[in-house]
Amino acid sequence: MGDHCAAEGGGLRGEVRVRSLGIMRVLKHFLVLTVAGVASAVSMNAQIVAEPGEIDLGRRSQQQVVESKVALVNSGKEAVTIYDVQADCSCTVGTLGKQSLAPGERTELAIKTETRNYQGEITRRVVMRTSAGDVAVPVKVTVAAYERWDVKPPLITLAPSVRGKGVAGEVTLTHLGTEAVDVTTVDANPAWVKGVVTRRGEREFVVTLAKKADAPAGHHMVKMTAVTTDAVNPQVSFNVFMTVTSAVRVKPSPLVLPVGKTGKETRLRAELLGWDGDLPPRLELSRGTATLLGHGTEGLAFEIAVTPEKAGAMTQLLKIYAGDQLELEVAVILRVE
């Protein structure tokens, strides 16, 4: 009898559970339809339209603040509240005329965009979060480092190469003025890249770049400066990044010292591998000391010591010379508490 009641009881509980699940599914479906209907009603009855829908600021120089304006119109049938205005970069800011718009009402969105040190075409998005949904306005600007010159590319990366082996690249300088000009010389700092100028057409100049044999191993950024006869932009600069490898290497690399404390010396031992010079290497560390210790496990052992003066991150280069010739540069990194 007990088993029978339990079975019946189990059947009743199962029936109630099935019915409950069915009701829950109906309620869930009803809620989804209701929410979808509300969202649809909002989008149909209240809508913000940006005029124009996107902004093209054209070509601009660096370090400028460019202003533009957009009209925001409530084209729906209900009032709309604009909660806030945000941009995807701190270089762009939008300011609203008013936040609440009745049907058919409009307001002005003033946008300021900083070109900073950018180069080339950039696009920023200004987004208005409203009671009728988000509205995004793309802002495009082509930032040029020089008023009358176009540099392509403004940063060129040469292919990785072994020390002493050649590698080349090419940059094009185009004059945008109407008068005749010339590019007379191209200088490099540091002087590890040679630049040769060739005229191509009336206003176009090609700078052929070649890494010099004495460029040391390491990662280098070289600033190239073209000297021109243009009165407005007598000098035009661009950057060359290159990675140079060598049979000589440091282990470990980079050299990461133990976490240091202000005013207290911290040390690290390392080894120089692949050194086959007749004379021992000369080590140079601008903010600290680097001392050869003799033969180590795999190469020449040395120790670097740094006494930091203030807290924070500290990075410098250990320079390794073969006589007066710079052979290798290695990053030295220290975090100071």
C-alpha atoms as a PDB file:
ATOM      1  CA  MET A   1       0.000   0.000   0.000  1.00  0.00           C
ATOM      2  CA  GLY A   2       2.812   2.276   0.922  1.00  0.00           C
ATOM      3  CA  ASP A   3       4.585   1.455  -2.342  1.00  0.00           C
ATOM      4  CA  HIS A   4       1.393   2.071  -4.327  1.00  0.00           C
ATOM      5  CA  CYS A   5       0.824   5.448  -2.681  1.00  0.00           C
ATOM      6  CA  ALA A   6       4.422   6.344  -3.290  1.00  0.00           C
ATOM      7  CA  ALA A   7       4.021   5.408  -6.939  1.00  0.00           C
ATOM      8  CA  GLU A   8       0.847   7.429  -7.254  1.00  0.00           C
ATOM      9  CA  GLY A   9       2.380  10.259  -5.346  1.00  0.00           C
ATOM     10  CA  GLY A  10       5.373  10.107  -7.699  1.00  0.00           C
ATOM     11  CA  GLY A  11       3.036  10.192 -10.665  1.00  0.00           C
ATOM     12  CA  LEU A  12       1.205  13.241  -9.365  1.00  0.00           C
ATOM     13  CA  ARG A  13       4.434  15.099  -8.621  1.00  0.00           C
ATOM     14  CA  GLY A  14       5.671  14.249 -12.120  1.00  0.00           C
ATOM     15  CA  GLU A  15       2.440  15.531 -13.663  1.00  0.00           C
ATOM     16  CA  VAL A  16       2.628  18.776 -11.693  1.00  0.00           C
ATOM     17  CA  ARG A  17       6.300  19.233 -12.702  1.00  0.00           C
ATOM     18  CA  VAL A  18       5.448  18.702 -16.380  1.00  0.00           C
ATOM     19  CA  ARG A  19       2.637  21.207 -16.192  1.00  0.00           C
ATOM     20  CA  SER A  20       4.913  23.699 -14.370  1.00  0.00           C
ATOM     21  CA  LEU A  21       7.588  23.354 -17.056  1.00  0.00           C
ATOM     22  CA  GLY A  22       4.972  23.929 -19.729  1.00  0.00           C
ATOM     23  CA  ILE A  23       3.729  27.080 -18.002  1.00  0.00           C
ATOM     24  CA  MET A  24       7.317  28.314 -17.606  1.00  0.00           C
ATOM     25  CA  ARG A  25       7.969  27.823 -21.325  1.00  0.00           C
ATOM     26  CA  VAL A  26       4.810  29.781 -22.175  1.00  0.00           C
ATOM     27  CA  LEU A  27       5.760  32.585 -19.781  1.00  0.00           C
ATOM     28  CA  LYS A  28       9.326  32.705 -21.145  1.00  0.00           C
ATOM     29  CA  HIS A  29       8.017  32.837 -24.718  1.00  0.00           C
ATOM     30  CA  PHE A  30       5.550  35.575 -23.736  1.00  0.00           C
ATOM     31  CA  LEU A  31       8.313  37.629 -22.084  1.00  0.00           C
ATOM     32  CA  VAL A  32      10.589  37.304 -25.126  1.00  0.00           C
ATOM     33  CA  LEU A  33       7.785  38.444 -27.414  1.00  0.00           C
ATOM     34  CA  THR A  34       6.935  41.299 -25.063  1.00  0.00           C
ATOM     35  CA  VAL A  35      10.528  42.528 -24.811  1.00  0.00           C
ATOM     36  CA  ALA A  36      10.988  42.203 -28.567  1.00  0.00           C
ATOM     37  CA  GLY A  37       7.763  44.135 -29.085  1.00  0.00           C
ATOM     38  CA  VAL A  38       8.879  46.906 -26.738  1.00  0.00           C
ATOM     39  CA  ALA A  39      12.288  47.111 -28.429  1.00  0.00           C
ATOM     40  CA  SER A  40      10.620  47.185 -31.819  1.00  0.00           C
ATOM     41  CA  ALA A  41       8.234  49.903 -30.656  1.00  0.00           C
ATOM     42  CA  VAL A  42      11.118  51.980 -29.306  1.00  0.00           C
ATOM     43  CA  SER A  43      13.090  51.687 -32.535  1.00  0.00           C
ATOM     44  CA  MET A  44       9.986  52.536 -34.596  1.00  0.00           C
ATOM     45  CA  ASN A  45       8.695  55.416 -32.479  1.00  0.00           C
ATOM     46  CA  ALA A  46      11.934  57.018 -31.286  1.00  0.00           C
ATOM     47  CA  GLN A  47      15.010  57.235 -33.504  1.00  0.00           C
ATOM     48  CA  ILE A  48      18.074  59.514 -33.552  1.00  0.00           C
ATOM     49  CA  VAL A  49      19.582  60.294 -36.952  1.00  0.00           C
ATOM     50  CA  ALA A  50      23.009  61.909 -37.369  1.00  0.00           C
ATOM     51  CA  GLU A  51      23.446  64.402 -40.220  1.00  0.00           C
ATOM     52  CA  PRO A  52      25.958  63.754 -41.714  1.00  0.00           C
ATOM     53  CA  GLY A  53      26.310  60.101 -40.785  1.00  0.00           C
ATOM     54  CA  GLU A  54      30.100  60.255 -41.030  1.00  0.00           C
ATOM     55  CA  ILE A  55      32.782  62.954 -41.121  1.00  0.00           C
ATOM     56  CA  ASP A  56      35.861  63.171 -43.331  1.00  0.00           C
ATOM     57  CA  LEU A  57      38.249  65.870 -42.096  1.00  0.00           C
ATOM     58  CA  GLY A  58      40.566  65.428 -45.081  1.00  0.00           C
ATOM     59  CA  ARG A  59      44.321  65.959 -44.886  1.00  0.00           C
ATOM     60  CA  ARG A  60      45.583  67.705 -41.742  1.00  0.00           C
ATOM     61  CA  SER A  61      48.936  68.478 -40.171  1.00  0.00           C
ATOM     62  CA  GLN A  62      50.142  67.012 -36.884  1.00  0.00           C
ATOM     63  CA  GLN A  63      49.500  68.728 -33.547  1.00  0.00           C
ATOM     64  CA  GLN A  64      46.224  70.310 -34.676  1.00  0.00           C
ATOM     65  CA  VAL A  65      42.778  70.377 -33.074  1.00  0.00           C
ATOM     66  CA  VAL A  66      40.179  69.970 -35.831  1.00  0.00           C
ATOM     67  CA  GLU A  67      36.560  70.900 -35.111  1.00  0.00           C
ATOM     68  CA  SER A  68      33.470  69.534 -36.828  1.00  0.00           C
ATOM     69  CA  LYS A  69      29.713  69.530 -36.204  1.00  0.00           C
ATOM     70  CA  VAL A  70      26.924  66.991 -36.557  1.00  0.00           C
ATOM     71  CA  ALA A  71      23.177  67.559 -36.278  1.00  0.00           C
ATOM     72  CA  LEU A  72      21.281  64.975 -34.221  1.00  0.00           C
ATOM     73  CA  VAL A  73      17.602  64.734 -35.182  1.00  0.00           C
ATOM     74  CA  ASN A  74      14.830  62.867 -33.410  1.00  0.00           C
ATOM     75  CA  SER A  75      12.998  61.439 -36.421  1.00  0.00           C
ATOM     76  CA  GLY A  76      10.682  59.294 -34.308  1.00  0.00           C
ATOM     77  CA  LYS A  77       7.330  59.864 -32.636  1.00  0.00           C
ATOM     78  CA  GLU A  78       8.503  59.877 -29.010  1.00  0.00           C
ATOM     79  CA  ALA A  79      10.903  61.952 -26.940  1.00  0.00           C
ATOM     80  CA  VAL A  80      14.498  60.706 -26.757  1.00  0.00           C
ATOM     81  CA  THR A  81      17.090  61.214 -24.047  1.00  0.00           C
ATOM     82  CA  ILE A  82      20.795  61.198 -24.939  1.00  0.00           C
ATOM     83  CA  TYR A  83      22.541  59.802 -21.868  1.00  0.00           C
ATOM     84  CA  ASP A  84      26.169  60.424 -22.800  1.00  0.00           C
ATOM     85  CA  VAL A  85      28.711  60.834 -25.617  1.00  0.00           C
ATOM     86  CA  GLN A  86      31.855  58.707 -25.791  1.00  0.00           C
ATOM     87  CA  ALA A  87      34.719  58.219 -28.240  1.00  0.00           C
ATOM     88  CA  ASP A  88      37.047  55.263 -28.736  1.00  0.00           C
ATOM     89  CA  CYS A  89      40.127  57.484 -28.268  1.00  0.00           C
ATOM     90  CA  SER A  90      41.003  60.326 -25.890  1.00  0.00           C
ATOM     91  CA  CYS A  91      42.067  62.352 -28.947  1.00  0.00           C
ATOM     92  CA  THR A  92      38.386  62.862 -29.861  1.00  0.00           C
ATOM     93  CA  VAL A  93      35.702  64.549 -27.722  1.00  0.00           C
ATOM     94  CA  GLY A  94      32.035  65.231 -28.435  1.00  0.00           C
ATOM     95  CA  THR A  95      29.907  67.924 -26.745  1.00  0.00           C
ATOM     96  CA  LEU A  96      26.096  67.978 -26.911  1.00  0.00           C
ATOM     97  CA  GLY A  97      23.890  71.039 -27.267  1.00  0.00           C
ATOM     98  CA  LYS A  98      21.030  69.402 -25.301  1.00  0.00           C
ATOM     99  CA  GLN A  99      20.209  65.930 -24.058  1.00  0.00           C
ATOM    100  CA  SER A 100      16.404  65.676 -24.410  1.00  0.00           C
ATOM    101  CA  LEU A 101      14.837  65.839 -27.875  1.00  0.00           C
ATOM    102  CA  ALA A 102      11.123  65.956 -28.627  1.00  0.00           C
ATOM    103  CA  PRO A 103       9.863  64.365 -31.872  1.00  0.00           C
ATOM    104  CA  GLY A 104      11.261  66.341 -34.821  1.00  0.00           C
ATOM    105  CA  GLU A 105      13.639  68.321 -32.590  1.00  0.00           C
ATOM    106  CA  ARG A 106      17.354  68.549 -33.308  1.00  0.00           C
ATOM    107  CA  THR A 107      20.537  69.494 -31.475  1.00  0.00           C
ATOM    108  CA  GLU A 108      24.156  70.021 -32.371  1.00  0.00           C
ATOM    109  CA  LEU A 109      27.027  67.699 -31.558  1.00  0.00           C
ATOM    110  CA  ALA A 110      30.360  69.531 -31.586  1.00  0.00           C
ATOM    111  CA  ILE A 111      33.376  67.238 -32.155  1.00  0.00           C
ATOM    112  CA  LYS A 112      37.037  68.067 -31.551  1.00  0.00           C
ATOM    113  CA  THR A 113      39.754  65.751 -32.895  1.00  0.00           C
ATOM    114  CA  GLU A 114      43.465  66.050 -32.046  1.00  0.00           C
ATOM    115  CA  THR A 115      45.857  64.905 -34.769  1.00  0.00           C
ATOM    116  CA  ARG A 116      48.740  64.622 -32.258  1.00  0.00           C
ATOM    117  CA  ASN A 117      51.777  62.837 -33.748  1.00  0.00           C
ATOM    118  CA  TYR A 118      49.687  60.455 -35.836  1.00  0.00           C
ATOM    119  CA  GLN A 119      50.604  59.760 -39.432  1.00  0.00           C
ATOM    120  CA  GLY A 120      48.402  58.384 -42.186  1.00  0.00           C
ATOM    121  CA  GLU A 121      44.658  57.753 -42.201  1.00  0.00           C
ATOM    122  CA  ILE A 122      42.954  57.238 -38.842  1.00  0.00           C
ATOM    123  CA  THR A 123      39.279  56.699 -37.996  1.00  0.00           C
ATOM    124  CA  ARG A 124      37.637  57.382 -34.640  1.00  0.00           C
ATOM    125  CA  ARG A 125      34.076  56.558 -33.541  1.00  0.00           C
ATOM    126  CA  VAL A 126      31.911  58.949 -31.551  1.00  0.00           C
ATOM    127  CA  VAL A 127      29.036  57.046 -29.915  1.00  0.00           C
ATOM    128  CA  MET A 128      25.874  58.551 -28.410  1.00  0.00           C
ATOM    129  CA  ARG A 129      24.085  56.311 -25.911  1.00  0.00           C
ATOM    130  CA  THR A 130      20.390  57.174 -26.053  1.00  0.00           C
ATOM    131  CA  SER A 131      17.021  55.872 -24.836  1.00  0.00           C
ATOM    132  CA  ALA A 132      16.385  54.807 -28.444  1.00  0.00           C
ATOM    133  CA  GLY A 133      19.657  52.911 -28.834  1.00  0.00           C
ATOM    134  CA  ASP A 134      23.263  53.763 -29.671  1.00  0.00           C
ATOM    135  CA  VAL A 135      24.196  56.069 -32.540  1.00  0.00           C
ATOM    136  CA  ALA A 136      27.777  56.020 -33.895  1.00  0.00           C
ATOM    137  CA  VAL A 137      29.447  58.660 -36.072  1.00  0.00           C
ATOM    138  CA  PRO A 138      32.794  57.716 -37.666  1.00  0.00           C
ATOM    139  CA  VAL A 139      35.352  60.549 -37.898  1.00  0.00           C
ATOM    140  CA  LYS A 140      38.108  60.060 -40.469  1.00  0.00           C
ATOM    141  CA  VAL A 141      41.242  62.187 -40.874  1.00  0.00           C
ATOM    142  CA  THR A 142      44.471  61.803 -42.840  1.00  0.00           C
ATOM    143  CA  VAL A 143      47.300  63.142 -40.696  1.00  0.00           C
ATOM    144  CA  ALA A 144      50.431  64.387 -42.456  1.00  0.00           C
ATOM    145  CA  ALA A 145      53.667  65.265 -40.713  1.00  0.00           C
ATOM    146  CA  TYR A 146      54.344  67.968 -43.318  1.00  0.00           C
ATOM    147  CA  GLU A 147      52.160  70.522 -45.018  1.00  0.00           C
ATOM    148  CA  ARG A 148      53.710  70.172 -48.481  1.00  0.00           C
ATOM    149  CA  TRP A 149      55.179  66.664 -48.463  1.00  0.00           C
ATOM    150  CA  ASP A 150      53.706  63.187 -48.489  1.00  0.00           C
ATOM    151  CA  VAL A 151      55.953  60.452 -47.040  1.00  0.00           C
ATOM    152  CA  LYS A 152      55.190  56.796 -47.831  1.00  0.00           C
ATOM    153  CA  PRO A 153      55.717  54.912 -45.652  1.00  0.00           C
ATOM    154  CA  PRO A 154      56.410  57.262 -42.699  1.00  0.00           C
ATOM    155  CA  LEU A 155      57.931  54.273 -40.879  1.00  0.00           C
ATOM    156  CA  ILE A 156      59.725  51.544 -42.807  1.00  0.00           C
ATOM    157  CA  THR A 157      60.861  48.250 -41.285  1.00  0.00           C
ATOM    158  CA  LEU A 158      63.857  46.643 -42.939  1.00  0.00           C
ATOM    159  CA  ALA A 159      64.066  42.859 -43.093  1.00  0.00           C
ATOM    160  CA  PRO A 160      66.038  41.287 -40.203  1.00  0.00           C
ATOM    161  CA  SER A 161      69.684  40.814 -41.146  1.00  0.00           C
ATOM    162  CA  VAL A 162      72.996  39.522 -39.828  1.00  0.00           C
ATOM    163  CA  ARG A 163      75.616  42.028 -38.778  1.00  0.00           C
ATOM    164  CA  GLY A 164      77.859  42.943 -41.729  1.00  0.00           C
ATOM    165  CA  LYS A 165      75.299  41.779 -44.319  1.00  0.00           C
ATOM    166  CA  GLY A 166      73.360  44.235 -46.467  1.00  0.00           C
ATOM    167  CA  VAL A 167      69.621  44.895 -46.460  1.00  0.00           C
ATOM    168  CA  ALA A 168      67.714  47.578 -48.368  1.00  0.00           C
ATOM    169  CA  GLY A 169      64.410  49.444 -48.454  1.00  0.00           C
ATOM    170  CA  GLU A 170      62.682  52.341 -50.208  1.00  0.00           C
ATOM    171  CA  VAL A 171      60.708  55.429 -49.187  1.00  0.00           C
ATOM    172  CA  THR A 172      58.905  57.825 -51.540  1.00  0.00           C
ATOM    173  CA  LEU A 173      58.740  61.582 -50.925  1.00  0.00           C
ATOM    174  CA  THR A 174      56.115  63.464 -52.949  1.00  0.00           C
ATOM    175  CA  HIS A 175      56.049  67.262 -53.073  1.00  0.00           C
ATOM    176  CA  LEU A 176      52.518  68.679 -52.974  1.00  0.00           C
ATOM    177  CA  GLY A 177      53.397  72.252 -53.924  1.00  0.00           C
ATOM    178  CA  THR A 178      53.388  73.771 -57.407  1.00  0.00           C
ATOM    179  CA  GLU A 179      56.928  75.171 -57.611  1.00  0.00           C
ATOM    180  CA  ALA A 180      60.013  73.159 -58.531  1.00  0.00           C
ATOM    181  CA  VAL A 181      61.972  71.754 -55.568  1.00  0.00           C
ATOM    182  CA  ASP A 182      64.810  69.337 -55.027  1.00  0.00           C
ATOM    183  CA  VAL A 183      66.010  66.923 -52.343  1.00  0.00           C
ATOM    184  CA  THR A 184      69.716  67.494 -51.881  1.00  0.00           C
ATOM    185  CA  THR A 185      70.873  65.091 -49.145  1.00  0.00           C
ATOM    186  CA  VAL A 186      69.603  62.463 -46.716  1.00  0.00           C
ATOM    187  CA  ASP A 187      71.209  62.109 -43.264  1.00  0.00           C
ATOM    188  CA  ALA A 188      70.815  59.311 -40.700  1.00  0.00           C
ATOM    189  CA  ASN A 189      70.911  59.417 -36.896  1.00  0.00           C
ATOM    190  CA  PRO A 190      72.487  57.099 -35.777  1.00  0.00           C
ATOM    191  CA  ALA A 191      74.551  56.829 -38.964  1.00  0.00           C
ATOM    192  CA  TRP A 192      73.813  53.151 -39.551  1.00  0.00           C
ATOM    193  CA  VAL A 193      71.732  53.601 -42.718  1.00  0.00           C
ATOM    194  CA  LYS A 194      72.748  55.174 -46.021  1.00  0.00           C
ATOM    195  CA  GLY A 195      70.141  57.044 -48.063  1.00  0.00           C
ATOM    196  CA  VAL A 196      70.466  57.775 -51.795  1.00  0.00           C
ATOM    197  CA  VAL A 197      67.947  60.072 -53.501  1.00  0.00           C
ATOM    198  CA  THR A 198      66.650  59.563 -57.052  1.00  0.00           C
ATOM    199  CA  ARG A 199      64.143  61.871 -58.754  1.00  0.00           C
ATOM    200  CA  ARG A 200      61.154  60.066 -60.247  1.00  0.00           C
ATOM    201  CA  GLY A 201      58.931  62.452 -62.115  1.00  0.00           C
ATOM    202  CA  GLU A 202      58.447  66.163 -61.525  1.00  0.00           C
ATOM    203  CA  ARG A 203      57.505  66.048 -57.827  1.00  0.00           C
ATOM    204  CA  GLU A 204      58.433  62.552 -56.679  1.00  0.00           C
ATOM    205  CA  PHE A 205      61.699  61.468 -55.054  1.00  0.00           C
ATOM    206  CA  VAL A 206      62.711  57.935 -54.109  1.00  0.00           C
ATOM    207  CA  VAL A 207      65.086  57.396 -51.185  1.00  0.00           C
ATOM    208  CA  THR A 208      66.865  54.056 -51.455  1.00  0.00           C
ATOM    209  CA  LEU A 209      67.969  52.848 -48.027  1.00  0.00           C
ATOM    210  CA  ALA A 210      70.837  50.474 -47.266  1.00  0.00           C
ATOM    211  CA  LYS A 211      71.988  49.243 -43.870  1.00  0.00           C
ATOM    212  CA  LYS A 212      75.668  49.944 -43.259  1.00  0.00           C
ATOM    213  CA  ALA A 213      78.092  47.134 -42.450  1.00  0.00           C
ATOM    214  CA  ASP A 214      79.060  48.686 -39.105  1.00  0.00           C
ATOM    215  CA  ALA A 215      75.493  48.678 -37.740  1.00  0.00           C
ATOM    216  CA  PRO A 216      75.669  46.820 -34.401  1.00  0.00           C
ATOM    217  CA  ALA A 217      73.480  43.922 -33.404  1.00  0.00           C
ATOM    218  CA  GLY A 218      70.209  44.853 -31.728  1.00  0.00           C
ATOM    219  CA  HIS A 219      66.874  46.523 -32.452  1.00  0.00           C
ATOM    220  CA  HIS A 220      67.394  50.032 -33.815  1.00  0.00           C
ATOM    221  CA  MET A 221      65.240  53.017 -34.751  1.00  0.00           C
ATOM    222  CA  VAL A 222      67.101  55.311 -37.155  1.00  0.00           C
ATOM    223  CA  LYS A 223      65.808  58.793 -37.969  1.00  0.00           C
ATOM    224  CA  MET A 224      66.345  59.787 -41.599  1.00  0.00           C
ATOM    225  CA  THR A 225      66.213  63.489 -42.519  1.00  0.00           C
ATOM    226  CA  ALA A 226      65.939  64.636 -46.129  1.00  0.00           C
ATOM    227  CA  VAL A 227      67.185  68.174 -46.807  1.00  0.00           C
ATOM    228  CA  THR A 228      65.064  69.943 -49.443  1.00  0.00           C
ATOM    229  CA  THR A 229      64.964  73.304 -51.246  1.00  0.00           C
ATOM    230  CA  ASP A 230      61.322  73.780 -50.198  1.00  0.00           C
ATOM    231  CA  ALA A 231      60.967  77.040 -48.239  1.00  0.00           C
ATOM    232  CA  VAL A 232      57.984  75.759 -46.226  1.00  0.00           C
ATOM    233  CA  ASN A 233      59.387  72.316 -45.294  1.00  0.00           C
ATOM    234  CA  PRO A 234      63.174  72.489 -45.714  1.00  0.00           C
ATOM    235  CA  GLN A 235      63.569  69.176 -43.867  1.00  0.00           C
ATOM    236  CA  VAL A 236      61.456  66.032 -44.141  1.00  0.00           C
ATOM    237  CA  SER A 237      62.037  63.154 -41.715  1.00  0.00           C
ATOM    238  CA  PHE A 238      60.971  59.526 -41.492  1.00  0.00           C
ATOM    239  CA  ASN A 239      61.996  56.533 -39.378  1.00  0.00           C
ATOM    240  CA  VAL A 240      63.718  53.263 -40.236  1.00  0.00           C
ATOM    241  CA  PHE A 241      63.388  50.301 -37.865  1.00  0.00           C
ATOM    242  CA  MET A 242      65.788  47.385 -38.260  1.00  0.00           C
ATOM    243  CA  THR A 243      66.785  44.249 -36.402  1.00  0.00           C
ATOM    244  CA  VAL A 244      70.419  43.212 -36.673  1.00  0.00           C
ATOM    245  CA  THR A 245      71.639  39.863 -35.364  1.00  0.00           C
ATOM    246  CA  SER A 246      75.161  38.725 -34.543  1.00  0.00           C
ATOM    247  CA  ALA A 247      77.122  35.565 -33.781  1.00  0.00           C
ATOM    248  CA  VAL A 248      77.896  37.309 -30.496  1.00  0.00           C
ATOM    249  CA  ARG A 249      75.037  37.142 -28.025  1.00  0.00           C
ATOM    250  CA  VAL A 250      74.284  37.575 -24.353  1.00  0.00           C
ATOM    251  CA  LYS A 251      72.613  34.962 -22.193  1.00  0.00           C
ATOM    252  CA  PRO A 252      70.094  35.756 -20.823  1.00  0.00           C
ATOM    253  CA  SER A 253      68.725  38.468 -23.083  1.00  0.00           C
ATOM    254  CA  PRO A 254      67.281  40.886 -22.197  1.00  0.00           C
ATOM    255  CA  LEU A 255      69.084  41.342 -18.893  1.00  0.00           C
ATOM    256  CA  VAL A 256      66.359  41.568 -16.234  1.00  0.00           C
ATOM    257  CA  LEU A 257      67.769  42.408 -12.818  1.00  0.00           C
ATOM    258  CA  PRO A 258      66.088  41.330  -9.560  1.00  0.00           C
ATOM    259  CA  VAL A 259      63.557  43.821  -8.214  1.00  0.00           C
ATOM    260  CA  GLY A 260      65.569  46.599  -6.579  1.00  0.00           C
ATOM    261  CA  LYS A 261      65.115  49.191  -3.871  1.00  0.00           C
ATOM    262  CA  THR A 262      65.947  52.873  -4.071  1.00  0.00           C
ATOM    263  CA  GLY A 263      69.535  53.579  -3.091  1.00  0.00           C
ATOM    264  CA  LYS A 264      70.538  49.903  -2.847  1.00  0.00           C
ATOM    265  CA  GLU A 265      72.727  48.083  -5.358  1.00  0.00           C
ATOM    266  CA  THR A 266      71.281  45.149  -7.318  1.00  0.00           C
ATOM    267  CA  ARG A 267      73.398  42.740  -9.356  1.00  0.00           C
ATOM    268  CA  LEU A 268      73.031  40.188 -12.146  1.00  0.00           C
ATOM    269  CA  ARG A 269      75.502  37.738 -13.680  1.00  0.00           C
ATOM    270  CA  ALA A 270      75.368  36.778 -17.358  1.00  0.00           C
ATOM    271  CA  GLU A 271      77.554  35.373 -20.123  1.00  0.00           C
ATOM    272  CA  LEU A 272      78.759  36.621 -23.503  1.00  0.00           C
ATOM    273  CA  LEU A 273      78.657  33.824 -26.086  1.00  0.00           C
ATOM    274  CA  GLY A 274      80.408  33.603 -29.462  1.00  0.00           C
ATOM    275  CA  TRP A 275      83.181  36.093 -28.716  1.00  0.00           C
ATOM    276  CA  ASP A 276      86.250  35.304 -30.853  1.00  0.00           C
ATOM    277  CA  GLY A 277      88.103  38.630 -30.770  1.00  0.00           C
ATOM    278  CA  ASP A 278      91.816  38.848 -30.052  1.00  0.00           C
ATOM    279  CA  LEU A 279      91.124  41.299 -27.248  1.00  0.00           C
ATOM    280  CA  PRO A 280      88.493  41.014 -24.509  1.00  0.00           C
ATOM    281  CA  PRO A 281      85.285  42.966 -25.075  1.00  0.00           C
ATOM    282  CA  ARG A 282      84.704  46.386 -23.563  1.00  0.00           C
ATOM    283  CA  LEU A 283      81.415  46.686 -21.660  1.00  0.00           C
ATOM    284  CA  GLU A 284      79.680  50.013 -21.168  1.00  0.00           C
ATOM    285  CA  LEU A 285      76.626  50.711 -18.985  1.00  0.00           C
ATOM    286  CA  SER A 286      75.681  54.372 -18.577  1.00  0.00           C
ATOM    287  CA  ARG A 287      73.806  54.029 -15.258  1.00  0.00           C
ATOM    288  CA  GLY A 288      75.753  51.299 -13.497  1.00  0.00           C
ATOM    289  CA  THR A 289      78.800  49.085 -13.938  1.00  0.00           C
ATOM    290  CA  ALA A 290      79.560  46.061 -16.116  1.00  0.00           C
ATOM    291  CA  THR A 291      82.584  43.935 -15.164  1.00  0.00           C
ATOM    292  CA  LEU A 292      84.186  40.961 -16.917  1.00  0.00           C
ATOM    293  CA  LEU A 293      84.714  37.997 -14.569  1.00  0.00           C
ATOM    294  CA  GLY A 294      86.569  35.554 -16.848  1.00  0.00           C
ATOM    295  CA  HIS A 295      85.446  32.301 -18.457  1.00  0.00           C
ATOM    296  CA  GLY A 296      82.020  31.015 -17.505  1.00  0.00           C
ATOM    297  CA  THR A 297      80.027  27.879 -18.322  1.00  0.00           C
ATOM    298  CA  GLU A 298      79.418  28.698 -22.003  1.00  0.00           C
ATOM    299  CA  GLY A 299      81.337  31.909 -22.672  1.00  0.00           C
ATOM    300  CA  LEU A 300      82.754  35.009 -21.024  1.00  0.00           C
ATOM    301  CA  ALA A 301      81.100  35.699 -17.682  1.00  0.00           C
ATOM    302  CA  PHE A 302      80.333  39.257 -16.591  1.00  0.00           C
ATOM    303  CA  GLU A 303      78.336  41.028 -13.910  1.00  0.00           C
ATOM    304  CA  ILE A 304      76.250  44.176 -14.064  1.00  0.00           C
ATOM    305  CA  ALA A 305      75.415  46.273 -11.003  1.00  0.00           C
ATOM    306  CA  VAL A 306      72.929  49.141 -10.755  1.00  0.00           C
ATOM    307  CA  THR A 307      72.051  51.425  -7.820  1.00  0.00           C
ATOM    308  CA  PRO A 308      68.672  53.015  -8.648  1.00  0.00           C
ATOM    309  CA  GLU A 309      67.924  56.541  -7.491  1.00  0.00           C
ATOM    310  CA  LYS A 310      64.119  56.433  -7.668  1.00  0.00           C
ATOM    311  CA  ALA A 311      61.231  53.986  -7.814  1.00  0.00           C
ATOM    312  CA  GLY A 312      59.672  52.855 -11.058  1.00  0.00           C
ATOM    313  CA  ALA A 313      60.714  51.044 -14.236  1.00  0.00           C
ATOM    314  CA  MET A 314      64.257  51.569 -15.477  1.00  0.00           C
ATOM    315  CA  THR A 315      65.544  50.513 -18.918  1.00  0.00           C
ATOM    316  CA  GLN A 316      68.947  51.135 -20.468  1.00  0.00           C
ATOM    317  CA  LEU A 317      71.363  49.534 -22.946  1.00  0.00           C
ATOM    318  CA  LEU A 318      74.471  47.517 -22.209  1.00  0.00           C
ATOM    319  CA  LYS A 319      76.895  48.293 -25.053  1.00  0.00           C
ATOM    320  CA  ILE A 320      79.555  45.765 -26.000  1.00  0.00           C
ATOM    321  CA  TYR A 321      82.557  46.961 -28.028  1.00  0.00           C
ATOM    322  CA  ALA A 322      85.323  45.227 -29.954  1.00  0.00           C
ATOM    323  CA  GLY A 323      87.904  47.967 -29.551  1.00  0.00           C
ATOM    324  CA  ASP A 324      86.131  51.126 -30.733  1.00  0.00           C
ATOM    325  CA  GLN A 325      83.605  49.174 -32.807  1.00  0.00           C
ATOM    326  CA  LEU A 326      80.140  48.751 -31.263  1.00  0.00           C
ATOM    327  CA  GLU A 327      79.340  45.058 -31.605  1.00  0.00           C
ATOM    328  CA  LEU A 328      76.141  44.519 -29.660  1.00  0.00           C
ATOM    329  CA  GLU A 329      73.479  46.315 -27.627  1.00  0.00           C
ATOM    330  CA  VAL A 330      71.398  44.487 -25.014  1.00  0.00           C
ATOM    331  CA  ALA A 331      68.466  45.847 -23.014  1.00  0.00           C
ATOM    332  CA  VAL A 332      68.927  46.042 -19.235  1.00  0.00           C
ATOM    333  CA  ILE A 333      65.626  46.152 -17.323  1.00  0.00           C
ATOM    334  CA  LEU A 334      65.096  46.906 -13.635  1.00  0.00           C
ATOM    335  CA  ARG A 335      61.943  47.465 -11.597  1.00  0.00           C
ATOM    336  CA  VAL A 336      62.526  49.557  -8.481  1.00  0.00           C
ATOM    337  CA  GLU A 337      60.209  49.595  -5.466  1.00  0.00           C
END
